[in-house]
Amino acid sequence: MTKDDHMAFEAALSARAEQVEALLRRLLGTPRLAGEISRPERLLAAMRHGVLNGGKRLRPFLVLESATLFSADGDAALRVAAALECVHCYSLIHDDLPAMDDDDLRRGQPTVHRAFDEAAAILAGDALLTLAFDILADEATPLPAERRAALVLMLARAAGLGGMAGGQMLDLDAGRDRPDEAGIITLQAMKTGALIRFACEAGAVLAGAPAAECERLAEFGSAIGLAFQLADDLLDLTADAGTLGKATGKDAAAGKATLVALHGERWARKQLDGLVGQASALLEPFGERAALLRAAASFIATRDS
């Protein structure tokens, strides 16, 4: 990625993050929705703490840029992006809990269970997860009902037993079970890759793109999802907590199985180069329209935070 490409990507990422943040602020406002009885102030504050705390909003960016490839409705894409970010932030809140990774920092700030308490953090995560499906199913998301239903099903599968939550379970067991390389790849495809794959495929699905194009974007998402986890494992090994905004070195200390631990840093960096090439090749049919998505793949592989 050239310097100009990098600057264009950073500007686009920042602009998309601002769009998503503005919508999330509205969605996490105090006015009740139809059918709601009340919005408890302390629960809402915990949810906001877990969501409105910075972050690159990379997954929403992938939804929005994938949707742009197919000239999708911008408001619909933005709401799908916000729904996905609610699921992602719920997963971070729960991942930080003492029973999981037991972290005190997230994005340079106290984790939700530290800023509030464990019960509030659990409920904040629960509420964000259900809010995500509220957003997708709501008629305020301007899509045909069958597309909204398809996205609800896709996100449920990506986030649940056979996706992210299942991957979290495998990760918790990995210190004891010591999975082989295939097992680690499966774990990471579920824990990290499933939501990234959803982000890329959802942009095509909400636009009503042909099935072959939806699958192409899904494959792109799978490639950059694996790259994201490889880069994350490298950062845990090489970055400092101040730069990363969370504790580092915990995977090695806990004896967690990662591809970096299995094969080493040099191998991982070579794999990252190959995954970026694979991702870029999948986008070739879209030409320059996919320039920002190609830049996203490079960013994911080379990020330092």
Protein backbone atom coordinates (compact mmCIF):
# COMPACT_ATOMS: atom_id res chain seq x y z
CA MET A 1 0.00 0.00 0.00
CA THR A 2 1.47 3.38 -1.03
CA LYS A 3 1.57 6.35 1.33
CA ASP A 4 -1.30 7.98 -0.59
CA ASP A 5 -3.35 4.79 -0.40
CA HIS A 6 -2.71 4.58 3.33
CA MET A 7 -3.77 8.20 3.87
CA ALA A 8 -6.94 7.70 1.80
CA PHE A 9 -7.78 4.57 3.78
CA GLU A 10 -7.18 6.26 7.15
CA ALA A 11 -9.39 9.18 6.15
CA ALA A 12 -12.16 6.84 4.96
CA LEU A 13 -11.91 4.70 8.10
CA SER A 14 -12.17 7.78 10.30
CA ALA A 15 -15.14 9.17 8.34
CA ARG A 16 -17.00 5.85 8.48
CA ALA A 17 -16.26 5.56 12.22
CA GLU A 18 -17.82 8.98 12.80
CA GLN A 19 -20.95 7.94 10.89
CA VAL A 20 -21.30 4.74 12.89
CA GLU A 21 -20.55 6.47 16.20
CA ALA A 22 -23.25 9.08 15.56
CA LEU A 23 -25.84 6.38 14.88
CA LEU A 24 -24.76 4.35 17.92
CA ARG A 25 -25.18 7.43 20.11
CA ARG A 26 -28.73 7.82 18.86
CA LEU A 27 -29.50 4.12 19.30
CA LEU A 28 -28.16 4.28 22.87
CA GLY A 29 -30.15 7.38 23.72
CA THR A 30 -32.67 7.68 26.53
CA PRO A 31 -35.95 7.78 24.52
CA ARG A 32 -37.81 4.46 24.73
CA LEU A 33 -38.69 2.52 21.59
CA ALA A 34 -42.17 1.15 20.97
CA GLY A 35 -42.63 -1.91 23.18
CA GLU A 36 -39.94 -0.90 25.66
CA ILE A 37 -41.04 -0.18 29.24
CA SER A 38 -37.99 1.69 30.52
CA ARG A 39 -34.28 2.16 29.83
CA PRO A 40 -32.48 1.82 33.19
CA GLU A 41 -29.98 4.65 33.49
CA ARG A 42 -27.12 2.58 34.92
CA LEU A 43 -27.45 -0.19 32.33
CA LEU A 44 -27.54 2.37 29.54
CA ALA A 45 -24.40 4.03 30.97
CA ALA A 46 -22.59 0.67 31.05
CA MET A 47 -23.61 -0.03 27.46
CA ARG A 48 -22.37 3.37 26.35
CA HIS A 49 -19.09 2.84 28.19
CA GLY A 50 -18.56 -0.38 26.27
CA VAL A 51 -19.50 1.05 22.88
CA LEU A 52 -18.78 4.78 22.77
CA ASN A 53 -15.14 4.50 23.79
CA GLY A 54 -13.28 4.99 20.56
CA GLY A 55 -12.14 2.07 18.49
CA LYS A 56 -11.46 1.93 14.78
CA ARG A 57 -14.92 0.55 13.87
CA LEU A 58 -13.23 -1.72 11.35
CA ARG A 59 -16.09 -4.23 11.10
CA PRO A 60 -18.67 -1.51 10.36
CA PHE A 61 -16.24 -0.08 7.80
CA LEU A 62 -16.14 -3.43 6.02
CA VAL A 63 -19.95 -3.57 5.93
CA LEU A 64 -20.19 -0.07 4.50
CA GLU A 65 -17.45 -0.46 1.90
CA SER A 66 -18.70 -3.88 0.77
CA ALA A 67 -22.19 -2.40 0.39
CA THR A 68 -20.76 0.48 -1.64
CA LEU A 69 -19.42 -1.99 -4.20
CA PHE A 70 -23.03 -2.79 -5.10
CA SER A 71 -24.50 0.72 -4.72
CA ALA A 72 -26.55 -0.35 -1.71
CA ASP A 73 -28.86 1.92 0.28
CA GLY A 74 -26.56 3.92 2.55
CA ASP A 75 -28.97 4.18 5.50
CA ALA A 76 -29.60 0.44 5.45
CA ALA A 77 -25.88 -0.32 5.32
CA LEU A 78 -25.21 2.05 8.21
CA ARG A 79 -27.79 0.34 10.41
CA VAL A 80 -26.40 -3.11 9.57
CA ALA A 81 -22.93 -1.79 10.41
CA ALA A 82 -24.17 -0.45 13.76
CA ALA A 83 -25.86 -3.76 14.57
CA LEU A 84 -22.61 -5.61 13.93
CA GLU A 85 -20.68 -3.18 16.14
CA CYS A 86 -23.15 -3.84 18.97
CA VAL A 87 -22.37 -7.56 18.72
CA HIS A 88 -18.63 -6.91 18.56
CA CYS A 89 -18.70 -4.60 21.61
CA TYR A 90 -20.83 -7.07 23.57
CA SER A 91 -18.20 -9.73 22.86
CA LEU A 92 -15.42 -7.45 24.13
CA ILE A 93 -17.31 -6.63 27.34
CA HIS A 94 -17.84 -10.32 28.08
CA ASP A 95 -14.34 -11.31 26.94
CA ASP A 96 -12.85 -8.90 29.48
CA LEU A 97 -14.75 -10.43 32.43
CA PRO A 98 -12.80 -12.19 35.22
CA ALA A 99 -14.23 -15.56 34.16
CA MET A 100 -12.88 -15.05 30.64
CA ASP A 101 -9.69 -13.05 29.96
CA ASP A 102 -9.86 -10.95 33.17
CA ASP A 103 -8.69 -7.65 31.64
CA ASP A 104 -8.67 -4.24 33.30
CA LEU A 105 -8.17 -2.13 30.15
CA ARG A 106 -9.95 -1.89 26.83
CA ARG A 107 -9.08 0.81 24.29
CA GLY A 108 -7.02 2.51 27.00
CA GLN A 109 -9.95 2.81 29.41
CA PRO A 110 -11.21 0.71 32.33
CA THR A 111 -13.19 -2.28 31.13
CA VAL A 112 -16.92 -2.21 31.82
CA HIS A 113 -16.76 -4.53 34.81
CA ARG A 114 -14.06 -2.30 36.32
CA ALA A 115 -15.89 0.95 35.62
CA PHE A 116 -19.19 -0.51 36.90
CA ASP A 117 -19.29 -4.10 38.20
CA GLU A 118 -19.49 -7.63 36.85
CA ALA A 119 -23.29 -7.83 36.90
CA ALA A 120 -23.63 -4.55 34.99
CA ALA A 121 -21.05 -5.73 32.44
CA ILE A 122 -22.88 -9.01 31.87
CA LEU A 123 -26.20 -7.23 31.42
CA ALA A 124 -24.65 -4.57 29.17
CA GLY A 125 -23.33 -7.30 26.90
CA ASP A 126 -26.68 -9.10 26.92
CA ALA A 127 -28.51 -5.90 26.05
CA LEU A 128 -26.13 -5.01 23.23
CA LEU A 129 -26.49 -8.45 21.68
CA THR A 130 -30.28 -8.22 21.65
CA LEU A 131 -30.15 -4.60 20.46
CA ALA A 132 -28.23 -5.77 17.39
CA PHE A 133 -31.11 -7.99 16.28
CA ASP A 134 -33.60 -5.24 17.16
CA ILE A 135 -31.76 -2.94 14.73
CA LEU A 136 -31.70 -5.50 11.92
CA ALA A 137 -35.33 -6.55 12.28
CA ASP A 138 -36.73 -3.03 12.69
CA GLU A 139 -38.55 -1.56 9.70
CA ALA A 140 -36.38 1.51 10.25
CA THR A 141 -33.71 -0.51 8.44
CA PRO A 142 -34.87 0.25 4.88
CA LEU A 143 -34.61 -3.19 3.33
CA PRO A 144 -37.17 -5.74 2.13
CA ALA A 145 -38.31 -7.96 5.00
CA GLU A 146 -36.69 -11.05 3.48
CA ARG A 147 -33.28 -9.35 3.40
CA ARG A 148 -33.62 -8.19 6.99
CA ALA A 149 -34.51 -11.75 7.97
CA ALA A 150 -31.54 -13.13 6.02
CA LEU A 151 -29.18 -10.74 7.82
CA VAL A 152 -30.65 -11.67 11.21
CA LEU A 153 -29.97 -15.34 10.46
CA MET A 154 -26.47 -14.64 9.14
CA LEU A 155 -25.50 -12.61 12.19
CA ALA A 156 -26.97 -15.17 14.59
CA ARG A 157 -24.92 -17.93 12.96
CA ALA A 158 -21.76 -15.78 12.93
CA ALA A 159 -22.09 -14.74 16.56
CA GLY A 160 -23.41 -17.91 18.17
CA LEU A 161 -22.65 -21.55 18.89
CA GLY A 162 -21.03 -22.27 15.52
CA GLY A 163 -19.33 -18.88 15.27
CA MET A 164 -17.89 -16.37 17.70
CA ALA A 165 -19.29 -17.78 20.98
CA GLY A 166 -18.23 -21.29 20.01
CA GLY A 167 -14.79 -19.97 19.12
CA GLN A 168 -14.54 -18.31 22.54
CA MET A 169 -15.27 -21.68 24.15
CA LEU A 170 -12.59 -23.37 22.07
CA ASP A 171 -10.17 -20.61 23.03
CA LEU A 172 -10.88 -21.08 26.73
CA ASP A 173 -10.25 -24.82 26.35
CA ALA A 174 -7.13 -24.37 24.22
CA GLY A 175 -4.75 -23.99 27.16
CA ARG A 176 -5.76 -27.46 28.32
CA ASP A 177 -6.54 -29.28 25.07
CA ARG A 178 -3.56 -27.94 23.05
CA PRO A 179 -5.17 -27.99 19.58
CA ASP A 180 -3.10 -28.75 16.49
CA GLU A 181 -2.75 -26.32 13.59
CA ALA A 182 -6.11 -27.29 12.06
CA GLY A 183 -7.75 -26.85 15.45
CA ILE A 184 -6.22 -23.41 15.93
CA ILE A 185 -7.39 -22.30 12.47
CA THR A 186 -10.93 -23.49 13.23
CA LEU A 187 -10.87 -21.73 16.61
CA GLN A 188 -9.71 -18.47 15.06
CA ALA A 189 -12.09 -18.66 12.11
CA MET A 190 -14.92 -18.87 14.64
CA LYS A 191 -13.74 -16.54 17.40
CA THR A 192 -12.46 -13.70 15.21
CA GLY A 193 -13.12 -14.53 11.59
CA ALA A 194 -16.86 -15.18 11.71
CA LEU A 195 -17.87 -11.56 12.42
CA ILE A 196 -15.37 -10.22 9.88
CA ARG A 197 -16.70 -12.64 7.27
CA PHE A 198 -20.23 -11.48 8.11
CA ALA A 199 -19.16 -7.84 7.74
CA CYS A 200 -17.94 -8.37 4.19
CA GLU A 201 -20.74 -10.66 3.04
CA ALA A 202 -23.47 -8.53 4.63
CA GLY A 203 -22.66 -5.60 2.36
CA ALA A 204 -23.40 -7.75 -0.67
CA VAL A 205 -26.47 -9.41 0.87
CA LEU A 206 -28.15 -6.16 1.90
CA ALA A 207 -27.62 -4.88 -1.64
CA GLY A 208 -29.30 -7.95 -3.14
CA ALA A 209 -26.12 -8.94 -5.00
CA PRO A 210 -25.98 -12.29 -6.86
CA ALA A 211 -25.07 -15.33 -4.77
CA ALA A 212 -21.67 -15.69 -6.46
CA GLU A 213 -20.75 -12.14 -5.52
CA CYS A 214 -21.92 -12.66 -1.94
CA GLU A 215 -19.70 -15.74 -1.70
CA ARG A 216 -16.74 -13.83 -3.16
CA LEU A 217 -17.08 -11.17 -0.45
CA ALA A 218 -17.47 -13.90 2.18
CA GLU A 219 -14.20 -15.51 1.02
CA PHE A 220 -12.53 -12.11 1.17
CA GLY A 221 -13.80 -11.77 4.73
CA SER A 222 -12.45 -15.18 5.67
CA ALA A 223 -8.98 -14.27 4.36
CA ILE A 224 -8.77 -10.96 6.19
CA GLY A 225 -10.32 -12.52 9.30
CA LEU A 226 -7.43 -14.96 9.55
CA ALA A 227 -5.01 -12.10 8.85
CA PHE A 228 -6.60 -10.05 11.63
CA GLN A 229 -6.07 -12.82 14.19
CA LEU A 230 -2.50 -13.46 13.06
CA ALA A 231 -1.72 -9.76 13.39
CA ASP A 232 -3.44 -9.68 16.78
CA ASP A 233 -1.31 -12.57 18.02
CA LEU A 234 1.83 -10.81 16.80
CA LEU A 235 0.80 -7.61 18.59
CA ASP A 236 0.21 -9.55 21.81
CA LEU A 237 3.79 -10.76 21.46
CA THR A 238 5.52 -7.57 20.33
CA ALA A 239 3.46 -4.48 21.28
CA ASP A 240 3.28 -2.65 24.62
CA ALA A 241 0.08 -2.08 26.57
CA GLY A 242 0.23 1.70 26.11
CA THR A 243 0.21 1.40 22.33
CA LEU A 244 -2.33 -1.40 22.21
CA GLY A 245 -4.70 0.02 24.83
CA LYS A 246 -4.97 -3.33 26.61
CA ALA A 247 -2.73 -5.84 28.36
CA THR A 248 -0.17 -7.68 26.22
CA GLY A 249 1.75 -10.92 26.60
CA LYS A 250 -1.24 -12.67 28.13
CA ASP A 251 -1.52 -15.38 25.47
CA ALA A 252 2.01 -16.60 26.04
CA ALA A 253 1.65 -16.36 29.82
CA ALA A 254 -1.53 -18.43 29.69
CA GLY A 255 0.00 -20.96 27.32
CA LYS A 256 -2.69 -20.29 24.71
CA ALA A 257 -2.41 -22.04 21.38
CA THR A 258 -1.80 -19.63 18.51
CA LEU A 259 -0.29 -19.99 15.06
CA VAL A 260 2.43 -17.55 16.08
CA ALA A 261 3.33 -19.70 19.08
CA LEU A 262 3.30 -22.79 16.85
CA HIS A 263 5.34 -21.48 13.91
CA GLY A 264 7.06 -18.27 15.02
CA GLU A 265 7.01 -14.60 14.08
CA ARG A 266 8.78 -14.89 10.71
CA TRP A 267 6.35 -17.56 9.49
CA ALA A 268 3.39 -15.46 10.63
CA ARG A 269 4.55 -12.38 8.74
CA LYS A 270 5.01 -14.45 5.58
CA GLN A 271 1.50 -15.84 6.02
CA LEU A 272 0.13 -12.33 6.40
CA ASP A 273 1.68 -11.33 3.07
CA GLY A 274 0.04 -14.35 1.43
CA LEU A 275 -3.37 -13.60 2.95
CA VAL A 276 -3.25 -10.00 1.75
CA GLY A 277 -2.44 -11.26 -1.74
CA GLN A 278 -5.29 -13.75 -1.59
CA ALA A 279 -7.72 -11.07 -0.41
CA SER A 280 -6.64 -8.65 -3.14
CA ALA A 281 -7.04 -11.32 -5.82
CA LEU A 282 -10.64 -11.93 -4.72
CA LEU A 283 -11.40 -8.26 -5.31
CA GLU A 284 -9.93 -8.09 -8.83
CA PRO A 285 -13.32 -8.26 -10.61
CA PHE A 286 -14.34 -5.02 -8.89
CA GLY A 287 -11.36 -3.02 -10.09
CA GLU A 288 -10.75 0.38 -8.54
CA ARG A 289 -14.15 0.32 -6.82
CA ALA A 290 -12.58 -2.03 -4.29
CA ALA A 291 -9.49 0.10 -3.62
CA LEU A 292 -10.49 0.84 -0.02
CA LEU A 293 -11.23 -2.80 0.72
CA ARG A 294 -7.81 -3.77 -0.65
CA ALA A 295 -6.29 -1.09 1.56
CA ALA A 296 -8.22 -2.51 4.51
CA ALA A 297 -6.61 -5.90 3.93
CA SER A 298 -3.14 -4.34 4.00
CA PHE A 299 -4.00 -2.29 7.07
CA ILE A 300 -5.21 -5.36 8.95
CA ALA A 301 -1.97 -7.21 8.25
CA THR A 302 0.34 -4.35 9.21
CA ARG A 303 -1.54 -2.55 12.01
CA ASP A 304 0.32 -1.62 15.17
CA SER A 305 -2.65 -1.29 17.53
